């Protein structure tokens, strides 16, 4: 980005920031879903063992 004007660089960095925020939200959502799934699987295993 060295050839870009400061305003263009700012716009690109803001766009990157927004994209990274979106990716973080998606990743956090996936992690939460997987944590719930793992917990449900553990409960089922305990229930079967009882």
N, C-alpha and C. Protein backbone atom coordinates (compact mmCIF):
# COMPACT_ATOMS: atom_id res chain seq x y z
N UNK A 1 0.79 -1.20 0.00
CA UNK A 1 0.00 0.00 0.00
C UNK A 1 0.84 1.28 0.00
N UNK A 2 2.13 1.18 -0.17
CA UNK A 2 2.92 2.40 -0.10
C UNK A 2 2.60 3.40 -1.21
N UNK A 3 2.08 2.95 -2.35
CA UNK A 3 1.80 3.86 -3.44
C UNK A 3 0.46 4.57 -3.32
N UNK A 4 -0.32 4.22 -2.32
CA UNK A 4 -1.66 4.81 -2.18
C UNK A 4 -1.61 6.09 -1.35
N UNK A 5 -2.57 6.94 -1.62
CA UNK A 5 -2.72 8.15 -0.82
C UNK A 5 -3.20 7.77 0.58
N UNK A 6 -2.90 8.59 1.57
CA UNK A 6 -3.32 8.27 2.94
C UNK A 6 -4.82 7.98 3.08
N UNK A 7 -5.65 8.72 2.36
CA UNK A 7 -7.10 8.48 2.45
C UNK A 7 -7.46 7.10 1.92
N UNK A 8 -6.82 6.68 0.83
CA UNK A 8 -7.07 5.35 0.27
C UNK A 8 -6.57 4.27 1.23
N UNK A 9 -5.41 4.49 1.81
CA UNK A 9 -4.88 3.52 2.77
C UNK A 9 -5.81 3.38 3.97
N UNK A 10 -6.34 4.52 4.43
CA UNK A 10 -7.27 4.51 5.55
C UNK A 10 -8.51 3.69 5.19
N UNK A 11 -9.05 3.90 4.01
CA UNK A 11 -10.23 3.15 3.58
C UNK A 11 -9.95 1.66 3.51
N UNK A 12 -8.79 1.30 2.98
CA UNK A 12 -8.43 -0.12 2.88
C UNK A 12 -8.27 -0.74 4.26
N UNK A 13 -7.63 -0.02 5.17
CA UNK A 13 -7.44 -0.55 6.52
C UNK A 13 -8.77 -0.69 7.26
N UNK A 14 -9.68 0.25 7.05
CA UNK A 14 -11.00 0.15 7.67
C UNK A 14 -11.77 -1.04 7.11
N UNK A 15 -11.66 -1.25 5.80
CA UNK A 15 -12.33 -2.39 5.18
C UNK A 15 -11.75 -3.69 5.73
N UNK A 16 -10.44 -3.74 5.88
CA UNK A 16 -9.79 -4.93 6.45
C UNK A 16 -10.26 -5.15 7.88
N UNK A 17 -10.32 -4.08 8.66
CA UNK A 17 -10.79 -4.19 10.04
C UNK A 17 -12.21 -4.76 10.09
N UNK A 18 -13.08 -4.25 9.24
CA UNK A 18 -14.47 -4.72 9.22
C UNK A 18 -14.54 -6.19 8.84
N UNK A 19 -13.74 -6.58 7.85
CA UNK A 19 -13.72 -7.99 7.42
C UNK A 19 -13.21 -8.88 8.55
N UNK A 20 -12.16 -8.43 9.23
CA UNK A 20 -11.62 -9.22 10.33
C UNK A 20 -12.62 -9.34 11.48
N UNK A 21 -13.37 -8.28 11.76
CA UNK A 21 -14.42 -8.35 12.79
C UNK A 21 -15.46 -9.40 12.41
N UNK A 22 -15.86 -9.39 11.14
CA UNK A 22 -16.84 -10.36 10.67
C UNK A 22 -16.29 -11.77 10.82
N UNK A 23 -15.05 -11.98 10.42
CA UNK A 23 -14.44 -13.30 10.53
C UNK A 23 -14.37 -13.74 11.99
N UNK A 24 -14.03 -12.82 12.89
CA UNK A 24 -13.98 -13.14 14.31
C UNK A 24 -15.36 -13.55 14.82
N UNK A 25 -16.39 -12.83 14.43
CA UNK A 25 -17.74 -13.18 14.85
C UNK A 25 -18.12 -14.57 14.35
N UNK A 26 -17.79 -14.86 13.11
CA UNK A 26 -18.10 -16.18 12.56
C UNK A 26 -17.35 -17.27 13.30
N UNK A 27 -16.09 -17.02 13.61
CA UNK A 27 -15.27 -18.00 14.32
C UNK A 27 -15.79 -18.22 15.73
N UNK A 28 -16.15 -17.14 16.42
CA UNK A 28 -16.70 -17.28 17.77
C UNK A 28 -18.01 -18.05 17.75
N UNK A 29 -18.84 -17.80 16.76
CA UNK A 29 -20.10 -18.53 16.64
C UNK A 29 -19.84 -20.02 16.42
N UNK A 30 -18.91 -20.35 15.56
CA UNK A 30 -18.56 -21.75 15.31
C UNK A 30 -18.03 -22.41 16.57
N UNK A 31 -17.18 -21.71 17.30
CA UNK A 31 -16.64 -22.26 18.55
C UNK A 31 -17.76 -22.54 19.54
N UNK A 32 -18.70 -21.61 19.68
CA UNK A 32 -19.81 -21.82 20.61
C UNK A 32 -20.66 -23.01 20.19
N UNK A 33 -20.92 -23.15 18.91
CA UNK A 33 -21.70 -24.29 18.43
C UNK A 33 -20.98 -25.60 18.73
N UNK A 34 -19.69 -25.63 18.48
CA UNK A 34 -18.92 -26.85 18.73
C UNK A 34 -18.83 -27.16 20.22
N UNK A 35 -18.71 -26.13 21.05
CA UNK A 35 -18.68 -26.36 22.50
C UNK A 35 -20.00 -26.97 22.97
N UNK A 36 -21.12 -26.46 22.44
CA UNK A 36 -22.43 -27.04 22.79
C UNK A 36 -22.53 -28.48 22.33
N UNK A 37 -22.05 -28.74 21.12
CA UNK A 37 -22.10 -30.10 20.59
C UNK A 37 -21.26 -31.05 21.43
N UNK A 38 -20.07 -30.63 21.82
CA UNK A 38 -19.19 -31.46 22.65
C UNK A 38 -19.86 -31.73 23.99
N UNK A 39 -20.46 -30.71 24.58
CA UNK A 39 -21.13 -30.89 25.87
C UNK A 39 -22.31 -31.86 25.75
N UNK A 40 -23.08 -31.73 24.69
CA UNK A 40 -24.20 -32.65 24.47
C UNK A 40 -23.70 -34.08 24.29
N UNK A 41 -22.63 -34.25 23.54
CA UNK A 41 -22.05 -35.59 23.34
C UNK A 41 -21.59 -36.18 24.67
N UNK A 42 -20.98 -35.36 25.51
CA UNK A 42 -20.53 -35.84 26.82
C UNK A 42 -21.71 -36.27 27.68
N UNK A 43 -22.78 -35.47 27.65
CA UNK A 43 -23.97 -35.81 28.44
C UNK A 43 -24.56 -37.14 27.97
N UNK A 44 -24.60 -37.33 26.66
CA UNK A 44 -25.13 -38.59 26.13
C UNK A 44 -24.27 -39.77 26.57
N UNK A 45 -22.96 -39.60 26.54
CA UNK A 45 -22.06 -40.68 26.95
C UNK A 45 -22.25 -41.01 28.43
N UNK A 46 -22.41 -39.99 29.26
CA UNK A 46 -22.62 -40.22 30.69
C UNK A 46 -23.96 -40.91 30.91
N UNK A 47 -24.99 -40.49 30.17
CA UNK A 47 -26.31 -41.09 30.31
C UNK A 47 -26.28 -42.56 29.89
N UNK A 48 -25.53 -42.89 28.85
CA UNK A 48 -25.43 -44.28 28.41
C UNK A 48 -24.67 -45.12 29.43
N UNK A 49 -23.67 -44.52 30.04
CA UNK A 49 -22.85 -45.26 31.00
C UNK A 49 -23.59 -45.50 32.31
N UNK A 50 -24.59 -44.69 32.59
CA UNK A 50 -25.32 -44.82 33.87
C UNK A 50 -26.30 -45.96 33.86
